[in-house]
């Protein structure tokens, strides 16, 4: 009985880790994108920033999905 219980607990942890893994990766990717965007903006003057608005991470992922769909 303890073996089955241990297997159930291990399986539950694996299931939970698999479900949250995508959310964690997306958070990391979003953080890296936003950090790079902010670093790029720091080098620009206010006039350049106003003339060239940049997209946020959600717009970026949407555009990437559209490009991938067009290439198929």
PDB file of N, CA and C in Angstrom:
ATOM      1  N   UNK A   1       0.804  -1.207   0.000  1.00  0.00           N
ATOM      2  CA  UNK A   1       0.000   0.000   0.000  1.00  0.00           C
ATOM      3  C   UNK A   1       0.849   1.275   0.000  1.00  0.00           C
ATOM      4  N   UNK A   2       1.948   1.330   0.785  1.00  0.00           N
ATOM      5  CA  UNK A   2       2.764   2.543   0.749  1.00  0.00           C
ATOM      6  C   UNK A   2       3.364   2.796  -0.637  1.00  0.00           C
ATOM      7  N   UNK A   3       3.651   1.726  -1.386  1.00  0.00           N
ATOM      8  CA  UNK A   3       4.214   1.892  -2.724  1.00  0.00           C
ATOM      9  C   UNK A   3       3.208   2.586  -3.647  1.00  0.00           C
ATOM     10  N   UNK A   4       1.970   2.164  -3.600  1.00  0.00           N
ATOM     11  CA  UNK A   4       0.928   2.774  -4.440  1.00  0.00           C
ATOM     12  C   UNK A   4       0.728   4.226  -4.041  1.00  0.00           C
ATOM     13  N   UNK A   5       0.735   4.469  -2.763  1.00  0.00           N
ATOM     14  CA  UNK A   5       0.576   5.847  -2.275  1.00  0.00           C
ATOM     15  C   UNK A   5       1.729   6.729  -2.767  1.00  0.00           C
ATOM     16  N   UNK A   6       2.959   6.204  -2.683  1.00  0.00           N
ATOM     17  CA  UNK A   6       4.129   6.952  -3.144  1.00  0.00           C
ATOM     18  C   UNK A   6       4.058   7.221  -4.648  1.00  0.00           C
ATOM     19  N   UNK A   7       3.619   6.232  -5.409  1.00  0.00           N
ATOM     20  CA  UNK A   7       3.482   6.395  -6.853  1.00  0.00           C
ATOM     21  C   UNK A   7       2.412   7.446  -7.175  1.00  0.00           C
ATOM     22  N   UNK A   8       1.334   7.444  -6.424  1.00  0.00           N
ATOM     23  CA  UNK A   8       0.270   8.427  -6.641  1.00  0.00           C
ATOM     24  C   UNK A   8       0.772   9.840  -6.354  1.00  0.00           C
ATOM     25  N   UNK A   9       1.499   9.992  -5.266  1.00  0.00           N
ATOM     26  CA  UNK A   9       2.032  11.311  -4.901  1.00  0.00           C
ATOM     27  C   UNK A   9       3.053  11.765  -5.945  1.00  0.00           C
ATOM     28  N   UNK A  10       3.945  10.877  -6.377  1.00  0.00           N
ATOM     29  CA  UNK A  10       4.941  11.231  -7.392  1.00  0.00           C
ATOM     30  C   UNK A  10       4.259  11.596  -8.706  1.00  0.00           C
ATOM     31  N   UNK A  11       3.245  10.827  -9.096  1.00  0.00           N
ATOM     32  CA  UNK A  11       2.503  11.130 -10.325  1.00  0.00           C
ATOM     33  C   UNK A  11       1.803  12.468 -10.244  1.00  0.00           C
ATOM     34  N   UNK A  12       1.266  12.788  -9.071  1.00  0.00           N
ATOM     35  CA  UNK A  12       0.591  14.077  -8.894  1.00  0.00           C
ATOM     36  C   UNK A  12       1.574  15.233  -9.055  1.00  0.00           C
ATOM     37  N   UNK A  13       2.763  15.083  -8.460  1.00  0.00           N
ATOM     38  CA  UNK A  13       3.774  16.131  -8.593  1.00  0.00           C
ATOM     39  C   UNK A  13       4.212  16.304 -10.051  1.00  0.00           C
ATOM     40  N   UNK A  14       4.371  15.218 -10.745  1.00  0.00           N
ATOM     41  CA  UNK A  14       4.765  15.288 -12.154  1.00  0.00           C
ATOM     42  C   UNK A  14       3.680  15.975 -12.972  1.00  0.00           C
ATOM     43  N   UNK A  15       2.432  15.648 -12.709  1.00  0.00           N
ATOM     44  CA  UNK A  15       1.316  16.274 -13.414  1.00  0.00           C
ATOM     45  C   UNK A  15       1.257  17.766 -13.142  1.00  0.00           C
ATOM     46  N   UNK A  16       1.405  18.146 -11.892  1.00  0.00           N
ATOM     47  CA  UNK A  16       1.366  19.570 -11.531  1.00  0.00           C
ATOM     48  C   UNK A  16       2.545  20.308 -12.162  1.00  0.00           C
ATOM     49  N   UNK A  17       3.734  19.708 -12.134  1.00  0.00           N
ATOM     50  CA  UNK A  17       4.914  20.344 -12.727  1.00  0.00           C
ATOM     51  C   UNK A  17       4.736  20.518 -14.234  1.00  0.00           C
ATOM     52  N   UNK A  18       4.146  19.548 -14.895  1.00  0.00           N
ATOM     53  CA  UNK A  18       3.923  19.644 -16.331  1.00  0.00           C
ATOM     54  C   UNK A  18       2.924  20.724 -16.682  1.00  0.00           C
ATOM     55  N   UNK A  19       1.923  20.898 -15.858  1.00  0.00           N
ATOM     56  CA  UNK A  19       0.905  21.913 -16.138  1.00  0.00           C
ATOM     57  C   UNK A  19       1.438  23.321 -15.915  1.00  0.00           C
ATOM     58  N   UNK A  20       2.285  23.504 -14.919  1.00  0.00           N
ATOM     59  CA  UNK A  20       2.789  24.835 -14.630  1.00  0.00           C
ATOM     60  C   UNK A  20       4.042  25.164 -15.420  1.00  0.00           C
ATOM     61  N   UNK A  21       4.667  24.179 -16.030  1.00  0.00           N
ATOM     62  CA  UNK A  21       5.904  24.426 -16.763  1.00  0.00           C
ATOM     63  C   UNK A  21       5.735  25.431 -17.882  1.00  0.00           C
ATOM     64  N   UNK A  22       4.640  25.355 -18.621  1.00  0.00           N
ATOM     65  CA  UNK A  22       4.413  26.282 -19.723  1.00  0.00           C
ATOM     66  C   UNK A  22       4.241  27.703 -19.201  1.00  0.00           C
ATOM     67  N   UNK A  23       3.520  27.877 -18.102  1.00  0.00           N
ATOM     68  CA  UNK A  23       3.323  29.204 -17.533  1.00  0.00           C
ATOM     69  C   UNK A  23       4.640  29.812 -17.066  1.00  0.00           C
ATOM     70  N   UNK A  24       5.478  28.990 -16.480  1.00  0.00           N
ATOM     71  CA  UNK A  24       6.770  29.480 -16.003  1.00  0.00           C
ATOM     72  C   UNK A  24       7.645  29.894 -17.183  1.00  0.00           C
ATOM     73  N   UNK A  25       7.676  29.056 -18.230  1.00  0.00           N
ATOM     74  CA  UNK A  25       8.478  29.405 -19.415  1.00  0.00           C
ATOM     75  C   UNK A  25       7.970  30.684 -20.053  1.00  0.00           C
ATOM     76  N   UNK A  26       6.656  30.829 -20.189  1.00  0.00           N
ATOM     77  CA  UNK A  26       6.097  32.044 -20.797  1.00  0.00           C
ATOM     78  C   UNK A  26       6.467  33.272 -19.979  1.00  0.00           C
ATOM     79  N   UNK A  27       6.451  33.136 -18.657  1.00  0.00           N
ATOM     80  CA  UNK A  27       6.847  34.253 -17.798  1.00  0.00           C
ATOM     81  C   UNK A  27       8.306  34.630 -18.005  1.00  0.00           C
ATOM     82  N   UNK A  28       9.158  33.625 -18.146  1.00  0.00           N
ATOM     83  CA  UNK A  28      10.576  33.896 -18.392  1.00  0.00           C
ATOM     84  C   UNK A  28      10.780  34.561 -19.748  1.00  0.00           C
ATOM     85  N   UNK A  29      10.105  34.035 -20.773  1.00  0.00           N
ATOM     86  CA  UNK A  29      10.236  34.621 -22.112  1.00  0.00           C
ATOM     87  C   UNK A  29       9.732  36.062 -22.130  1.00  0.00           C
ATOM     88  N   UNK A  30       8.628  36.303 -21.448  1.00  0.00           N
ATOM     89  CA  UNK A  30       8.085  37.656 -21.405  1.00  0.00           C
ATOM     90  C   UNK A  30       9.048  38.592 -20.678  1.00  0.00           C
ATOM     91  N   UNK A  31       9.629  38.121 -19.594  1.00  0.00           N
ATOM     92  CA  UNK A  31      10.585  38.937 -18.850  1.00  0.00           C
ATOM     93  C   UNK A  31      11.815  39.269 -19.679  1.00  0.00           C
ATOM     94  N   UNK A  32      12.313  38.287 -20.426  1.00  0.00           N
ATOM     95  CA  UNK A  32      13.477  38.545 -21.282  1.00  0.00           C
ATOM     96  C   UNK A  32      13.134  39.527 -22.388  1.00  0.00           C
ATOM     97  N   UNK A  33      11.944  39.384 -22.994  1.00  0.00           N
ATOM     98  CA  UNK A  33      11.538  40.286 -24.067  1.00  0.00           C
ATOM     99  C   UNK A  33      11.396  41.708 -23.540  1.00  0.00           C
ATOM    100  N   UNK A  34      10.696  41.853 -22.414  1.00  0.00           N
ATOM    101  CA  UNK A  34      10.492  43.193 -21.855  1.00  0.00           C
ATOM    102  C   UNK A  34      11.814  43.817 -21.424  1.00  0.00           C
ATOM    103  N   UNK A  35      12.721  43.016 -20.863  1.00  0.00           N
ATOM    104  CA  UNK A  35      14.020  43.543 -20.466  1.00  0.00           C
ATOM    105  C   UNK A  35      14.824  44.035 -21.653  1.00  0.00           C
ATOM    106  N   UNK A  36      14.817  43.274 -22.737  1.00  0.00           N
ATOM    107  CA  UNK A  36      15.543  43.699 -23.940  1.00  0.00           C
ATOM    108  C   UNK A  36      14.909  44.944 -24.540  1.00  0.00           C
ATOM    109  N   UNK A  37      13.593  45.012 -24.502  1.00  0.00           N
ATOM    110  CA  UNK A  37      12.891  46.181 -25.047  1.00  0.00           C
ATOM    111  C   UNK A  37      13.227  47.437 -24.242  1.00  0.00           C
ATOM    112  N   UNK A  38      13.266  47.303 -22.929  1.00  0.00           N
ATOM    113  CA  UNK A  38      13.579  48.453 -22.072  1.00  0.00           C
ATOM    114  C   UNK A  38      15.024  48.886 -22.270  1.00  0.00           C
ATOM    115  N   UNK A  39      15.944  47.923 -22.380  1.00  0.00           N
ATOM    116  CA  UNK A  39      17.341  48.275 -22.636  1.00  0.00           C
ATOM    117  C   UNK A  39      17.485  49.041 -23.949  1.00  0.00           C
ATOM    118  N   UNK A  40      16.756  48.612 -24.954  1.00  0.00           N
ATOM    119  CA  UNK A  40      16.801  49.287 -26.246  1.00  0.00           C
ATOM    120  C   UNK A  40      16.224  50.705 -26.124  1.00  0.00           C
ATOM    121  N   UNK A  41      15.155  50.855 -25.351  1.00  0.00           N
ATOM    122  CA  UNK A  41      14.535  52.167 -25.183  1.00  0.00           C
ATOM    123  C   UNK A  41      15.429  53.133 -24.417  1.00  0.00           C
ATOM    124  N   UNK A  42      16.257  52.608 -23.521  1.00  0.00           N
ATOM    125  CA  UNK A  42      17.141  53.475 -22.744  1.00  0.00           C
ATOM    126  C   UNK A  42      18.146  54.181 -23.638  1.00  0.00           C
ATOM    127  N   UNK A  43      18.499  53.573 -24.753  1.00  0.00           N
ATOM    128  CA  UNK A  43      19.466  54.171 -25.659  1.00  0.00           C
ATOM    129  C   UNK A  43      18.832  55.194 -26.590  1.00  0.00           C
ATOM    130  N   UNK A  44      17.507  55.222 -26.648  1.00  0.00           N
ATOM    131  CA  UNK A  44      16.808  56.120 -27.570  1.00  0.00           C
ATOM    132  C   UNK A  44      16.463  57.438 -26.872  1.00  0.00           C
ATOM    133  N   UNK A  45      16.362  58.491 -27.662  1.00  0.00           N
ATOM    134  CA  UNK A  45      15.917  59.774 -27.129  1.00  0.00           C
ATOM    135  C   UNK A  45      14.398  59.754 -27.011  1.00  0.00           C
ATOM    136  N   UNK A  46      13.818  60.645 -26.222  1.00  0.00           N
ATOM    137  CA  UNK A  46      12.355  60.682 -26.115  1.00  0.00           C
ATOM    138  C   UNK A  46      11.670  60.903 -27.465  1.00  0.00           C
ATOM    139  N   UNK A  47      12.289  61.688 -28.315  1.00  0.00           N
ATOM    140  CA  UNK A  47      11.711  61.924 -29.642  1.00  0.00           C
ATOM    141  C   UNK A  47      11.678  60.633 -30.468  1.00  0.00           C
ATOM    142  N   UNK A  48      12.763  59.858 -30.408  1.00  0.00           N
ATOM    143  CA  UNK A  48      12.808  58.582 -31.138  1.00  0.00           C
ATOM    144  C   UNK A  48      11.786  57.596 -30.585  1.00  0.00           C
ATOM    145  N   UNK A  49      11.631  57.568 -29.253  1.00  0.00           N
ATOM    146  CA  UNK A  49      10.652  56.666 -28.645  1.00  0.00           C
ATOM    147  C   UNK A  49       9.232  57.025 -29.049  1.00  0.00           C
ATOM    148  N   UNK A  50       8.940  58.306 -29.133  1.00  0.00           N
ATOM    149  CA  UNK A  50       7.594  58.744 -29.511  1.00  0.00           C
ATOM    150  C   UNK A  50       7.314  58.444 -30.978  1.00  0.00           C
ATOM    151  N   UNK A  51       8.343  58.541 -31.813  1.00  0.00           N
ATOM    152  CA  UNK A  51       8.159  58.311 -33.239  1.00  0.00           C
ATOM    153  C   UNK A  51       8.026  56.827 -33.575  1.00  0.00           C
ATOM    154  N   UNK A  52       8.590  55.965 -32.738  1.00  0.00           N
ATOM    155  CA  UNK A  52       8.592  54.538 -33.031  1.00  0.00           C
ATOM    156  C   UNK A  52       8.083  53.746 -31.819  1.00  0.00           C
ATOM    157  N   UNK A  53       6.771  53.650 -31.677  1.00  0.00           N
ATOM    158  CA  UNK A  53       6.255  52.861 -30.543  1.00  0.00           C
ATOM    159  C   UNK A  53       6.551  51.381 -30.745  1.00  0.00           C
ATOM    160  N   UNK A  54       6.837  50.700 -29.663  1.00  0.00           N
ATOM    161  CA  UNK A  54       7.169  49.283 -29.748  1.00  0.00           C
ATOM    162  C   UNK A  54       6.020  48.449 -29.204  1.00  0.00           C
ATOM    163  N   UNK A  55       5.920  47.235 -29.708  1.00  0.00           N
ATOM    164  CA  UNK A  55       4.841  46.358 -29.276  1.00  0.00           C
ATOM    165  C   UNK A  55       5.198  45.653 -27.978  1.00  0.00           C
ATOM    166  N   UNK A  56       4.168  45.310 -27.201  1.00  0.00           N
ATOM    167  CA  UNK A  56       4.412  44.567 -25.978  1.00  0.00           C
ATOM    168  C   UNK A  56       4.507  43.071 -26.292  1.00  0.00           C
ATOM    169  N   UNK A  57       4.705  42.262 -25.267  1.00  0.00           N
ATOM    170  CA  UNK A  57       4.960  40.835 -25.472  1.00  0.00           C
ATOM    171  C   UNK A  57       3.769  40.114 -26.085  1.00  0.00           C
ATOM    172  N   UNK A  58       2.549  40.471 -25.682  1.00  0.00           N
ATOM    173  CA  UNK A  58       1.363  39.814 -26.238  1.00  0.00           C
ATOM    174  C   UNK A  58       1.230  40.096 -27.730  1.00  0.00           C
ATOM    175  N   UNK A  59       1.486  41.328 -28.139  1.00  0.00           N
ATOM    176  CA  UNK A  59       1.450  41.659 -29.563  1.00  0.00           C
ATOM    177  C   UNK A  59       2.550  40.907 -30.310  1.00  0.00           C
ATOM    178  N   UNK A  60       3.709  40.787 -29.687  1.00  0.00           N
ATOM    179  CA  UNK A  60       4.825  40.080 -30.296  1.00  0.00           C
ATOM    180  C   UNK A  60       4.482  38.608 -30.526  1.00  0.00           C
ATOM    181  N   UNK A  61       3.930  37.928 -29.521  1.00  0.00           N
ATOM    182  CA  UNK A  61       3.590  36.517 -29.685  1.00  0.00           C
ATOM    183  C   UNK A  61       2.477  36.331 -30.714  1.00  0.00           C
ATOM    184  N   UNK A  62       1.537  37.258 -30.746  1.00  0.00           N
ATOM    185  CA  UNK A  62       0.458  37.184 -31.741  1.00  0.00           C
ATOM    186  C   UNK A  62       1.031  37.297 -33.154  1.00  0.00           C
ATOM    187  N   UNK A  63       1.956  38.232 -33.343  1.00  0.00           N
ATOM    188  CA  UNK A  63       2.578  38.411 -34.654  1.00  0.00           C
ATOM    189  C   UNK A  63       3.406  37.186 -35.047  1.00  0.00           C
ATOM    190  N   UNK A  64       4.103  36.596 -34.085  1.00  0.00           N
ATOM    191  CA  UNK A  64       4.893  35.402 -34.370  1.00  0.00           C
ATOM    192  C   UNK A  64       3.999  34.231 -34.790  1.00  0.00           C
ATOM    193  N   UNK A  65       2.857  34.076 -34.150  1.00  0.00           N
ATOM    194  CA  UNK A  65       1.928  33.016 -34.514  1.00  0.00           C
ATOM    195  C   UNK A  65       1.357  33.246 -35.912  1.00  0.00           C
ATOM    196  N   UNK A  66       1.043  34.504 -36.239  1.00  0.00           N
ATOM    197  CA  UNK A  66       0.529  34.820 -37.570  1.00  0.00           C
ATOM    198  C   UNK A  66       1.572  34.512 -38.637  1.00  0.00           C
ATOM    199  N   UNK A  67       2.825  34.857 -38.368  1.00  0.00           N
ATOM    200  CA  UNK A  67       3.896  34.559 -39.329  1.00  0.00           C
ATOM    201  C   UNK A  67       4.073  33.065 -39.510  1.00  0.00           C
ATOM    202  N   UNK A  68       3.983  32.309 -38.414  1.00  0.00           N
ATOM    203  CA  UNK A  68       4.130  30.863 -38.500  1.00  0.00           C
ATOM    204  C   UNK A  68       2.971  30.256 -39.315  1.00  0.00           C
ATOM    205  N   UNK A  69       1.761  30.769 -39.137  1.00  0.00           N
ATOM    206  CA  UNK A  69       0.620  30.280 -39.891  1.00  0.00           C
ATOM    207  C   UNK A  69       0.749  30.599 -41.385  1.00  0.00           C
ATOM    208  N   UNK A  70       1.320  31.753 -41.717  1.00  0.00           N
ATOM    209  CA  UNK A  70       1.491  32.135 -43.109  1.00  0.00           C
ATOM    210  C   UNK A  70       2.550  31.263 -43.789  1.00  0.00           C
ATOM    211  N   UNK A  71       3.553  30.835 -43.037  1.00  0.00           N
ATOM    212  CA  UNK A  71       4.626  30.015 -43.613  1.00  0.00           C
ATOM    213  C   UNK A  71       4.223  28.571 -43.822  1.00  0.00           C
ATOM    214  N   UNK A  72       3.113  28.161 -43.274  1.00  0.00           N
ATOM    215  CA  UNK A  72       2.674  26.761 -43.432  1.00  0.00           C
ATOM    216  C   UNK A  72       1.984  26.531 -44.724  1.00  0.00           C
TER     217      UNK A  72
END
